[in-house]
Amino acid sequence: MPFVLCEYVHAMGNGPGGLSEYQELFDRYPRLMGGFVWEWLEHGISVSSSGGEYFAYGGDFGEEVHDGNFVTDGLVDANRKPRPGLLDFKKVVEPLRIEVAEDWSGFTLRNGYDFADTSALEFHYVVEADGGRLDGGSVAVPPLLPQSEAVVPLPADVSALAAQLGDRAAVLTVSAVLAHGSAWAAAGHEIA
């Protein structure tokens, strides 16, 4: 029988914790189906005052019995604006795993989709150092079937750049974005 968590990644206080550990279990055991984020949306009520607009919650309306701030712990606020924990959540549940080789010669791509290949996606890379962009471009990736893995080479000048940088701190980011707009997101929306 499937197992679904009802208070998954409880986001109280500093944000959700244990995201990676939960995802590792979901990936390892097919019976573990995931969970319902607690909480997705904060339950504040918009109130206007002479100082501006704010979200009121437990106790702000004079009630004696209330939940205090236990209703303002969402991944998005009451106006649906993302909180920092949402970025962590997005990274953990993204459907693709991209692991860059240490020498920047390429990356391993794992398609975690159950039914879709990667043909709807484009892949890009960016090299950044000292707060600026040093290089970037597109990478041709043949469609990868669901639940499969491939090693994708990066252009030779990327690994040459890595050698030139030596011990200098630099970051290579590979991302997958929508190639075309859809009903739920515009072209260029980052998937992983």
N, C-alpha and C. Protein backbone atom coordinates (compact mmCIF):
# COMPACT_ATOMS: atom_id res chain seq x y z
N MET A 1 0.84 -1.19 0.00
CA MET A 1 0.00 0.00 0.00
C MET A 1 0.88 1.25 0.00
N PRO A 2 0.46 2.30 -0.68
CA PRO A 2 1.26 3.53 -0.69
C PRO A 2 1.22 4.22 0.67
N PHE A 3 2.29 4.97 0.92
CA PHE A 3 2.40 5.72 2.17
C PHE A 3 2.60 7.18 1.81
N VAL A 4 1.72 8.06 2.30
CA VAL A 4 1.79 9.49 2.03
C VAL A 4 1.83 10.23 3.36
N LEU A 5 2.80 11.12 3.51
CA LEU A 5 2.93 11.90 4.74
C LEU A 5 1.93 13.06 4.73
N CYS A 6 1.25 13.27 5.84
CA CYS A 6 0.26 14.36 5.87
C CYS A 6 0.86 15.67 6.37
N GLU A 7 1.95 15.66 7.10
CA GLU A 7 2.62 16.90 7.53
C GLU A 7 4.08 16.82 7.13
N TYR A 8 4.30 16.81 5.84
CA TYR A 8 5.62 16.67 5.24
C TYR A 8 6.36 17.99 5.26
N VAL A 9 7.66 17.96 5.50
CA VAL A 9 8.56 19.12 5.56
C VAL A 9 7.97 20.28 6.36
N HIS A 10 7.61 20.00 7.57
CA HIS A 10 7.01 21.02 8.43
C HIS A 10 7.86 22.29 8.40
N ALA A 11 7.26 23.38 7.99
CA ALA A 11 8.00 24.61 7.71
C ALA A 11 8.00 25.61 8.86
N MET A 12 7.75 25.18 10.06
CA MET A 12 7.68 26.10 11.20
C MET A 12 9.04 26.74 11.49
N GLY A 13 9.02 28.01 11.81
CA GLY A 13 10.24 28.70 12.23
C GLY A 13 11.16 29.04 11.08
N ASN A 14 12.34 28.46 11.08
CA ASN A 14 13.37 28.81 10.12
C ASN A 14 13.14 28.20 8.73
N GLY A 15 12.14 27.41 8.58
CA GLY A 15 11.85 26.82 7.28
C GLY A 15 11.86 25.31 7.32
N PRO A 16 11.57 24.70 6.19
CA PRO A 16 11.45 23.24 6.17
C PRO A 16 12.81 22.58 6.38
N GLY A 17 12.77 21.48 7.05
CA GLY A 17 14.01 20.74 7.29
C GLY A 17 13.87 19.31 6.81
N GLY A 18 14.99 18.67 6.60
CA GLY A 18 15.00 17.27 6.21
C GLY A 18 14.54 17.00 4.79
N LEU A 19 14.53 18.02 3.94
CA LEU A 19 14.04 17.84 2.58
C LEU A 19 14.82 16.79 1.79
N SER A 20 16.13 16.92 1.79
CA SER A 20 16.96 15.98 1.03
C SER A 20 16.81 14.56 1.55
N GLU A 21 16.77 14.43 2.86
CA GLU A 21 16.64 13.09 3.45
C GLU A 21 15.31 12.44 3.09
N TYR A 22 14.24 13.22 3.14
CA TYR A 22 12.94 12.70 2.71
C TYR A 22 12.99 12.27 1.24
N GLN A 23 13.53 13.13 0.38
CA GLN A 23 13.55 12.83 -1.05
C GLN A 23 14.36 11.57 -1.35
N GLU A 24 15.47 11.39 -0.64
CA GLU A 24 16.27 10.17 -0.82
C GLU A 24 15.43 8.93 -0.50
N LEU A 25 14.62 9.00 0.54
CA LEU A 25 13.75 7.88 0.89
C LEU A 25 12.66 7.66 -0.17
N PHE A 26 12.06 8.75 -0.65
CA PHE A 26 11.03 8.62 -1.69
C PHE A 26 11.61 7.99 -2.95
N ASP A 27 12.85 8.36 -3.29
CA ASP A 27 13.48 7.80 -4.49
C ASP A 27 13.85 6.33 -4.29
N ARG A 28 14.24 5.97 -3.09
CA ARG A 28 14.69 4.61 -2.81
C ARG A 28 13.55 3.61 -2.68
N TYR A 29 12.42 4.04 -2.05
CA TYR A 29 11.32 3.12 -1.77
C TYR A 29 10.07 3.52 -2.54
N PRO A 30 9.69 2.74 -3.56
CA PRO A 30 8.52 3.09 -4.38
C PRO A 30 7.23 3.23 -3.58
N ARG A 31 7.13 2.57 -2.44
CA ARG A 31 5.91 2.66 -1.63
C ARG A 31 5.72 4.06 -1.05
N LEU A 32 6.81 4.77 -0.82
CA LEU A 32 6.73 6.13 -0.26
C LEU A 32 6.38 7.10 -1.38
N MET A 33 5.18 7.65 -1.33
CA MET A 33 4.65 8.45 -2.42
C MET A 33 4.94 9.95 -2.30
N GLY A 34 5.41 10.40 -1.17
CA GLY A 34 5.63 11.83 -0.96
C GLY A 34 4.78 12.32 0.18
N GLY A 35 4.40 13.60 0.11
CA GLY A 35 3.62 14.13 1.21
C GLY A 35 3.01 15.48 0.89
N PHE A 36 2.20 15.94 1.81
CA PHE A 36 1.55 17.24 1.71
C PHE A 36 2.37 18.24 2.52
N VAL A 37 2.87 19.28 1.86
CA VAL A 37 3.72 20.27 2.54
C VAL A 37 2.93 20.96 3.63
N TRP A 38 3.51 21.02 4.82
CA TRP A 38 2.89 21.66 5.97
C TRP A 38 3.79 22.80 6.40
N GLU A 39 3.49 24.01 6.14
CA GLU A 39 2.33 24.41 5.40
C GLU A 39 2.75 25.03 4.10
N TRP A 40 1.91 24.88 3.12
CA TRP A 40 2.19 25.50 1.83
C TRP A 40 1.92 27.00 1.92
N LEU A 41 0.76 27.39 2.44
CA LEU A 41 0.31 28.77 2.44
C LEU A 41 0.13 29.29 3.86
N GLU A 42 0.63 30.47 4.13
CA GLU A 42 0.40 31.09 5.43
C GLU A 42 -1.05 31.56 5.53
N HIS A 43 -1.58 31.52 6.75
CA HIS A 43 -3.00 31.81 6.95
C HIS A 43 -3.26 33.18 7.56
N GLY A 44 -2.41 34.14 7.29
CA GLY A 44 -2.66 35.49 7.77
C GLY A 44 -3.78 36.15 7.00
N ILE A 45 -4.43 37.12 7.64
CA ILE A 45 -5.51 37.87 7.02
C ILE A 45 -5.04 39.30 6.84
N SER A 46 -5.17 39.83 5.64
CA SER A 46 -4.71 41.17 5.34
C SER A 46 -5.54 42.21 6.11
N VAL A 47 -4.84 43.07 6.84
CA VAL A 47 -5.50 44.11 7.64
C VAL A 47 -4.81 45.44 7.33
N SER A 48 -5.62 46.49 7.19
CA SER A 48 -5.07 47.83 6.95
C SER A 48 -5.04 48.61 8.25
N SER A 49 -3.98 49.39 8.39
CA SER A 49 -3.87 50.28 9.56
C SER A 49 -3.22 51.57 9.09
N SER A 50 -3.08 52.52 10.01
CA SER A 50 -2.46 53.79 9.64
C SER A 50 -1.00 53.60 9.23
N GLY A 51 -0.37 52.51 9.68
CA GLY A 51 1.02 52.22 9.32
C GLY A 51 1.16 51.43 8.04
N GLY A 52 0.05 51.09 7.43
CA GLY A 52 0.10 50.31 6.18
C GLY A 52 -0.70 49.04 6.30
N GLU A 53 -0.40 48.10 5.45
CA GLU A 53 -1.11 46.83 5.43
C GLU A 53 -0.20 45.74 6.01
N TYR A 54 -0.80 44.83 6.77
CA TYR A 54 -0.03 43.72 7.33
C TYR A 54 -0.93 42.51 7.45
N PHE A 55 -0.32 41.36 7.73
CA PHE A 55 -1.08 40.14 7.93
C PHE A 55 -1.30 39.92 9.41
N ALA A 56 -2.55 39.79 9.79
CA ALA A 56 -2.90 39.52 11.19
C ALA A 56 -3.15 38.01 11.33
N TYR A 57 -2.89 37.50 12.53
CA TYR A 57 -3.09 36.08 12.78
C TYR A 57 -3.39 35.88 14.25
N GLY A 58 -3.40 34.64 14.71
CA GLY A 58 -3.79 34.24 16.05
C GLY A 58 -3.56 35.24 17.16
N GLY A 59 -4.62 35.74 17.75
CA GLY A 59 -4.55 36.68 18.86
C GLY A 59 -4.68 38.12 18.44
N ASP A 60 -4.51 38.43 17.17
CA ASP A 60 -4.58 39.81 16.69
C ASP A 60 -6.00 40.36 16.64
N PHE A 61 -6.99 39.51 16.85
CA PHE A 61 -8.38 39.95 16.77
C PHE A 61 -9.06 39.91 18.14
N GLY A 62 -8.25 39.79 19.22
CA GLY A 62 -8.79 39.80 20.56
C GLY A 62 -9.28 38.45 21.06
N GLU A 63 -9.16 37.41 20.26
CA GLU A 63 -9.63 36.10 20.70
C GLU A 63 -8.66 35.53 21.75
N GLU A 64 -9.21 34.87 22.76
CA GLU A 64 -8.38 34.31 23.83
C GLU A 64 -7.74 32.99 23.43
N VAL A 65 -8.48 32.16 22.73
CA VAL A 65 -7.94 30.87 22.30
C VAL A 65 -7.56 30.99 20.82
N HIS A 66 -6.28 30.74 20.54
CA HIS A 66 -5.80 30.88 19.16
C HIS A 66 -4.52 30.06 18.97
N ASP A 67 -4.05 30.01 17.75
CA ASP A 67 -2.85 29.24 17.40
C ASP A 67 -1.58 30.09 17.35
N GLY A 68 -1.66 31.35 17.75
CA GLY A 68 -0.48 32.21 17.71
C GLY A 68 0.10 32.27 16.31
N ASN A 69 1.43 32.18 16.23
CA ASN A 69 2.07 32.26 14.91
C ASN A 69 2.16 30.90 14.22
N PHE A 70 1.48 29.89 14.70
CA PHE A 70 1.51 28.57 14.09
C PHE A 70 0.78 28.53 12.74
N VAL A 71 0.23 29.64 12.31
CA VAL A 71 -0.44 29.68 11.02
C VAL A 71 0.33 30.54 10.02
N THR A 72 1.50 31.03 10.41
CA THR A 72 2.32 31.84 9.50
C THR A 72 3.65 31.14 9.28
N ASP A 73 3.57 29.92 8.79
CA ASP A 73 4.77 29.10 8.61
C ASP A 73 4.81 28.45 7.23
N GLY A 74 4.29 29.14 6.22
CA GLY A 74 4.18 28.54 4.89
C GLY A 74 5.39 28.75 4.01
N LEU A 75 5.40 28.00 2.89
CA LEU A 75 6.43 28.18 1.87
C LEU A 75 6.10 29.38 0.99
N VAL A 76 4.82 29.83 1.01
CA VAL A 76 4.42 31.08 0.38
C VAL A 76 3.61 31.86 1.40
N ASP A 77 3.68 33.19 1.35
CA ASP A 77 2.93 33.98 2.33
C ASP A 77 1.45 34.05 1.92
N ALA A 78 0.66 34.75 2.69
CA ALA A 78 -0.78 34.79 2.45
C ALA A 78 -1.14 35.43 1.11
N ASN A 79 -0.23 36.21 0.53
CA ASN A 79 -0.44 36.78 -0.81
C ASN A 79 0.19 35.92 -1.90
N ARG A 80 0.62 34.72 -1.52
CA ARG A 80 1.23 33.74 -2.44
C ARG A 80 2.61 34.15 -2.92
N LYS A 81 3.31 35.01 -2.19
CA LYS A 81 4.68 35.37 -2.53
C LYS A 81 5.62 34.34 -1.91
N PRO A 82 6.60 33.85 -2.66
CA PRO A 82 7.49 32.80 -2.16
C PRO A 82 8.31 33.23 -0.94
N ARG A 83 8.46 32.32 -0.02
CA ARG A 83 9.36 32.45 1.12
C ARG A 83 10.65 31.71 0.76
N PRO A 84 11.77 31.99 1.44
CA PRO A 84 13.04 31.34 1.10
C PRO A 84 12.99 29.81 1.09
N GLY A 85 12.21 29.20 1.95
CA GLY A 85 12.13 27.75 1.99
C GLY A 85 11.62 27.14 0.69
N LEU A 86 10.89 27.93 -0.10
CA LEU A 86 10.35 27.41 -1.36
C LEU A 86 11.49 27.09 -2.34
N LEU A 87 12.56 27.86 -2.32
CA LEU A 87 13.71 27.58 -3.19
C LEU A 87 14.35 26.25 -2.83
N ASP A 88 14.49 25.99 -1.53
CA ASP A 88 15.03 24.69 -1.09
C ASP A 88 14.13 23.57 -1.58
N PHE A 89 12.84 23.74 -1.40
CA PHE A 89 11.89 22.71 -1.80
C PHE A 89 11.97 22.45 -3.30
N LYS A 90 12.02 23.53 -4.09
CA LYS A 90 12.11 23.39 -5.55
C LYS A 90 13.34 22.58 -5.95
N LYS A 91 14.47 22.87 -5.34
CA LYS A 91 15.71 22.17 -5.68
C LYS A 91 15.60 20.68 -5.37
N VAL A 92 15.04 20.36 -4.23
CA VAL A 92 14.97 18.96 -3.81
C VAL A 92 14.02 18.15 -4.67
N VAL A 93 12.90 18.71 -5.09
CA VAL A 93 11.90 17.93 -5.83
C VAL A 93 12.02 18.08 -7.35
N GLU A 94 13.03 18.80 -7.84
CA GLU A 94 13.14 18.94 -9.29
C GLU A 94 13.25 17.56 -9.94
N PRO A 95 12.66 17.41 -11.14
CA PRO A 95 12.57 16.08 -11.75
C PRO A 95 13.84 15.59 -12.43
N LEU A 96 14.85 16.43 -12.53
CA LEU A 96 16.11 16.04 -13.14
C LEU A 96 17.23 16.19 -12.13
N ARG A 97 18.21 15.32 -12.20
CA ARG A 97 19.42 15.45 -11.38
C ARG A 97 20.57 15.76 -12.33
N ILE A 98 21.27 16.83 -12.07
CA ILE A 98 22.39 17.26 -12.91
C ILE A 98 23.62 17.31 -12.02
N GLU A 99 24.62 16.50 -12.36
CA GLU A 99 25.85 16.45 -11.57
C GLU A 99 27.03 16.75 -12.49
N VAL A 100 27.69 17.88 -12.24
CA VAL A 100 28.79 18.33 -13.09
C VAL A 100 30.08 17.59 -12.71
N ALA A 101 30.84 17.17 -13.72
CA ALA A 101 32.14 16.52 -13.50
C ALA A 101 33.11 17.51 -12.86
N GLU A 102 33.99 17.01 -12.02
CA GLU A 102 34.95 17.89 -11.32
C GLU A 102 35.80 18.70 -12.28
N ASP A 103 36.15 18.13 -13.43
CA ASP A 103 37.00 18.85 -14.40
C ASP A 103 36.18 19.68 -15.39
N TRP A 104 34.86 19.74 -15.18
CA TRP A 104 33.93 20.50 -16.01
C TRP A 104 33.88 20.01 -17.46
N SER A 105 34.25 18.77 -17.70
CA SER A 105 34.23 18.23 -19.06
C SER A 105 32.80 17.90 -19.51
N GLY A 106 31.90 17.74 -18.55
CA GLY A 106 30.52 17.40 -18.87
C GLY A 106 29.71 17.25 -17.61
N PHE A 107 28.54 16.64 -17.75
CA PHE A 107 27.68 16.43 -16.59
C PHE A 107 26.87 15.16 -16.78
N THR A 108 26.50 14.57 -15.67
CA THR A 108 25.61 13.42 -15.68
C THR A 108 24.20 13.94 -15.50
N LEU A 109 23.31 13.49 -16.37
CA LEU A 109 21.91 13.91 -16.33
C LEU A 109 21.06 12.68 -16.04
N ARG A 110 20.26 12.76 -15.00
CA ARG A 110 19.32 11.68 -14.69
C ARG A 110 17.91 12.22 -14.81
N ASN A 111 17.09 11.57 -15.66
CA ASN A 111 15.71 11.97 -15.86
C ASN A 111 14.85 11.23 -14.85
N GLY A 112 14.32 11.96 -13.88
CA GLY A 112 13.48 11.37 -12.85
C GLY A 112 12.00 11.31 -13.21
N TYR A 113 11.63 11.85 -14.38
CA TYR A 113 10.24 11.75 -14.80
C TYR A 113 9.86 10.28 -14.95
N ASP A 114 8.62 9.95 -14.68
CA ASP A 114 8.13 8.58 -14.86
C ASP A 114 7.63 8.33 -16.27
N PHE A 115 7.17 9.38 -16.98
CA PHE A 115 6.55 9.16 -18.29
C PHE A 115 7.11 10.06 -19.39
N ALA A 116 7.73 11.17 -19.05
CA ALA A 116 8.16 12.14 -20.07
C ALA A 116 9.67 12.06 -20.31
N ASP A 117 10.04 12.23 -21.59
CA ASP A 117 11.46 12.35 -21.88
C ASP A 117 11.85 13.83 -21.72
N THR A 118 13.06 14.18 -22.09
CA THR A 118 13.54 15.56 -21.87
C THR A 118 13.44 16.42 -23.14
N SER A 119 12.69 15.98 -24.14
CA SER A 119 12.63 16.71 -25.41
C SER A 119 11.99 18.09 -25.29
N ALA A 120 11.24 18.36 -24.24
CA ALA A 120 10.61 19.67 -24.06
C ALA A 120 11.54 20.68 -23.39
N LEU A 121 12.78 20.27 -23.14
CA LEU A 121 13.71 21.10 -22.38
C LEU A 121 14.92 21.53 -23.21
N GLU A 122 15.49 22.67 -22.82
CA GLU A 122 16.78 23.14 -23.33
C GLU A 122 17.74 23.14 -22.16
N PHE A 123 19.02 22.97 -22.45
CA PHE A 123 20.04 22.94 -21.40
C PHE A 123 21.05 24.05 -21.65
N HIS A 124 21.38 24.76 -20.58
CA HIS A 124 22.31 25.89 -20.65
C HIS A 124 23.36 25.76 -19.56
N TYR A 125 24.50 26.39 -19.79
CA TYR A 125 25.53 26.45 -18.76
C TYR A 125 26.02 27.88 -18.60
N VAL A 126 26.48 28.21 -17.40
CA VAL A 126 27.04 29.52 -17.10
C VAL A 126 28.24 29.31 -16.17
N VAL A 127 29.34 29.98 -16.47
CA VAL A 127 30.51 29.98 -15.59
C VAL A 127 30.62 31.38 -15.00
N GLU A 128 30.67 31.44 -13.65
CA GLU A 128 30.74 32.72 -12.96
C GLU A 128 31.92 32.73 -11.98
N ALA A 129 32.56 33.89 -11.86
CA ALA A 129 33.63 34.09 -10.89
C ALA A 129 33.72 35.57 -10.57
N ASP A 130 34.09 35.86 -9.35
CA ASP A 130 34.26 37.25 -8.91
C ASP A 130 33.02 38.10 -9.19
N GLY A 131 31.84 37.51 -9.06
CA GLY A 131 30.60 38.25 -9.22
C GLY A 131 30.20 38.51 -10.66
N GLY A 132 30.90 37.93 -11.62
CA GLY A 132 30.56 38.17 -13.02
C GLY A 132 30.52 36.89 -13.83
N ARG A 133 29.96 37.00 -15.01
CA ARG A 133 29.84 35.86 -15.92
C ARG A 133 31.08 35.79 -16.81
N LEU A 134 31.72 34.63 -16.83
CA LEU A 134 32.91 34.44 -17.66
C LEU A 134 32.59 33.73 -18.98
N ASP A 135 31.59 32.87 -18.95
CA ASP A 135 31.26 32.08 -20.13
C ASP A 135 29.85 31.54 -19.97
N GLY A 136 29.28 31.11 -21.06
CA GLY A 136 27.95 30.51 -21.01
C GLY A 136 27.49 30.14 -22.40
N GLY A 137 26.47 29.29 -22.44
CA GLY A 137 25.93 28.89 -23.72
C GLY A 137 24.94 27.77 -23.58
N SER A 138 24.55 27.21 -24.71
CA SER A 138 23.60 26.10 -24.75
C SER A 138 24.35 24.79 -24.93
N VAL A 139 23.73 23.72 -24.50
CA VAL A 139 24.30 22.39 -24.64
C VAL A 139 23.25 21.52 -25.33
N ALA A 140 23.65 20.85 -26.41
CA ALA A 140 22.75 19.95 -27.12
C ALA A 140 22.64 18.65 -26.33
N VAL A 141 21.42 18.32 -25.92
CA VAL A 141 21.19 17.09 -25.17
C VAL A 141 20.11 16.29 -25.91
N PRO A 142 20.47 15.11 -26.43
CA PRO A 142 19.44 14.29 -27.07
C PRO A 142 18.37 13.92 -26.06
N PRO A 143 17.12 13.73 -26.49
CA PRO A 143 16.06 13.37 -25.55
C PRO A 143 16.45 12.16 -24.71
N LEU A 144 16.26 12.29 -23.42
CA LEU A 144 16.60 11.23 -22.48
C LEU A 144 15.30 10.60 -21.99
N LEU A 145 15.19 9.30 -22.13
CA LEU A 145 13.97 8.59 -21.75
C LEU A 145 13.71 8.70 -20.25
N PRO A 146 12.45 8.51 -19.83
CA PRO A 146 12.13 8.55 -18.40
C PRO A 146 12.95 7.54 -17.61
N GLN A 147 13.34 7.92 -16.42
CA GLN A 147 14.08 7.06 -15.49
C GLN A 147 15.38 6.54 -16.09
N SER A 148 16.03 7.35 -16.93
CA SER A 148 17.31 6.94 -17.48
C SER A 148 18.36 8.01 -17.22
N GLU A 149 19.60 7.67 -17.54
CA GLU A 149 20.74 8.53 -17.21
C GLU A 149 21.70 8.58 -18.39
N ALA A 150 22.36 9.73 -18.57
CA ALA A 150 23.35 9.87 -19.64
C ALA A 150 24.43 10.84 -19.18
N VAL A 151 25.61 10.67 -19.77
CA VAL A 151 26.70 11.62 -19.56
C VAL A 151 26.72 12.54 -20.76
N VAL A 152 26.67 13.85 -20.52
CA VAL A 152 26.58 14.85 -21.58
C VAL A 152 27.86 15.68 -21.57
N PRO A 153 28.58 15.73 -22.71
CA PRO A 153 29.80 16.55 -22.73
C PRO A 153 29.48 18.04 -22.81
N LEU A 154 30.32 18.84 -22.16
CA LEU A 154 30.26 20.29 -22.31
C LEU A 154 31.28 20.70 -23.36
N PRO A 155 31.14 21.89 -23.95
CA PRO A 155 32.14 22.34 -24.93
C PRO A 155 33.55 22.29 -24.33
N ALA A 156 34.53 21.96 -25.16
CA ALA A 156 35.92 21.80 -24.70
C ALA A 156 36.46 23.05 -24.02
N ASP A 157 35.99 24.23 -24.46
CA ASP A 157 36.51 25.47 -23.86
C ASP A 157 36.08 25.64 -22.40
N VAL A 158 35.04 24.91 -21.96
CA VAL A 158 34.61 25.00 -20.56
C VAL A 158 35.63 24.33 -19.66
N SER A 159 36.07 23.12 -20.01
CA SER A 159 37.09 22.46 -19.17
C SER A 159 38.43 23.18 -19.30
N ALA A 160 38.72 23.78 -20.46
CA ALA A 160 39.94 24.58 -20.60
C ALA A 160 39.88 25.79 -19.68
N LEU A 161 38.72 26.41 -19.58
CA LEU A 161 38.54 27.55 -18.67
C LEU A 161 38.75 27.11 -17.22
N ALA A 162 38.25 25.94 -16.87
CA ALA A 162 38.44 25.42 -15.51
C ALA A 162 39.92 25.28 -15.20
N ALA A 163 40.70 24.79 -16.16
CA ALA A 163 42.14 24.63 -15.96
C ALA A 163 42.82 26.00 -15.81
N GLN A 164 42.38 26.98 -16.58
CA GLN A 164 42.95 28.33 -16.50
C GLN A 164 42.66 28.99 -15.15
N LEU A 165 41.48 28.73 -14.61
CA LEU A 165 41.09 29.34 -13.34
C LEU A 165 41.91 28.82 -12.18
N GLY A 166 42.41 27.61 -12.29
CA GLY A 166 43.24 27.03 -11.23
C GLY A 166 42.51 27.00 -9.90
N ASP A 167 43.10 27.64 -8.88
CA ASP A 167 42.51 27.66 -7.54
C ASP A 167 41.50 28.81 -7.35
N ARG A 168 41.33 29.62 -8.35
CA ARG A 168 40.39 30.75 -8.25
C ARG A 168 38.96 30.22 -8.08
N ALA A 169 38.21 30.80 -7.18
CA ALA A 169 36.84 30.37 -6.93
C ALA A 169 35.96 30.70 -8.12
N ALA A 170 35.27 29.68 -8.62
CA ALA A 170 34.37 29.86 -9.75
C ALA A 170 33.25 28.83 -9.63
N VAL A 171 32.13 29.12 -10.29
CA VAL A 171 30.97 28.23 -10.24
C VAL A 171 30.50 27.95 -11.66
N LEU A 172 30.28 26.67 -11.95
CA LEU A 172 29.67 26.26 -13.22
C LEU A 172 28.27 25.77 -12.90
N THR A 173 27.28 26.39 -13.52
CA THR A 173 25.88 26.01 -13.31
C THR A 173 25.31 25.49 -14.62
N VAL A 174 24.72 24.30 -14.56
CA VAL A 174 24.01 23.74 -15.71
C VAL A 174 22.53 23.73 -15.34
N SER A 175 21.69 24.23 -16.23
CA SER A 175 20.26 24.28 -15.93
C SER A 175 19.44 23.74 -17.10
N ALA A 176 18.26 23.23 -16.76
CA ALA A 176 17.29 22.76 -17.74
C ALA A 176 16.10 23.70 -17.68
N VAL A 177 15.69 24.22 -18.83
CA VAL A 177 14.57 25.16 -18.89
C VAL A 177 13.58 24.70 -19.95
N LEU A 178 12.34 25.18 -19.85
CA LEU A 178 11.34 24.86 -20.87
C LEU A 178 11.75 25.46 -22.22
N ALA A 179 11.73 24.65 -23.26
CA ALA A 179 12.08 25.12 -24.60
C ALA A 179 10.95 25.97 -25.19
N HIS A 180 9.72 25.64 -24.82
CA HIS A 180 8.55 26.36 -25.33
C HIS A 180 7.61 26.65 -24.18
N GLY A 181 6.82 27.69 -24.33
CA GLY A 181 5.84 28.02 -23.31
C GLY A 181 4.78 26.93 -23.21
N SER A 182 4.18 26.83 -22.04
CA SER A 182 3.11 25.87 -21.83
C SER A 182 1.96 26.58 -21.11
N ALA A 183 0.94 25.84 -20.77
CA ALA A 183 -0.20 26.42 -20.06
C ALA A 183 0.19 26.87 -18.65
N TRP A 184 1.26 26.31 -18.10
CA TRP A 184 1.61 26.60 -16.71
C TRP A 184 2.88 27.44 -16.55
N ALA A 185 3.68 27.62 -17.61
CA ALA A 185 4.91 28.42 -17.49
C ALA A 185 5.38 28.87 -18.86
N ALA A 186 6.10 29.98 -18.89
CA ALA A 186 6.63 30.53 -20.14
C ALA A 186 7.90 29.81 -20.55
N ALA A 187 8.26 29.93 -21.82
CA ALA A 187 9.53 29.39 -22.30
C ALA A 187 10.65 29.98 -21.45
N GLY A 188 11.65 29.16 -21.13
CA GLY A 188 12.76 29.62 -20.31
C GLY A 188 12.58 29.38 -18.83
N HIS A 189 11.39 28.92 -18.41
CA HIS A 189 11.16 28.62 -16.99
C HIS A 189 12.10 27.51 -16.56
N GLU A 190 12.82 27.74 -15.47
CA GLU A 190 13.80 26.76 -15.00
C GLU A 190 13.12 25.56 -14.35
N ILE A 191 13.48 24.37 -14.84
CA ILE A 191 12.96 23.12 -14.31
C ILE A 191 13.96 22.51 -13.32
N ALA A 192 15.26 22.57 -13.66
CA ALA A 192 16.30 22.00 -12.78
C ALA A 192 17.60 22.75 -12.99
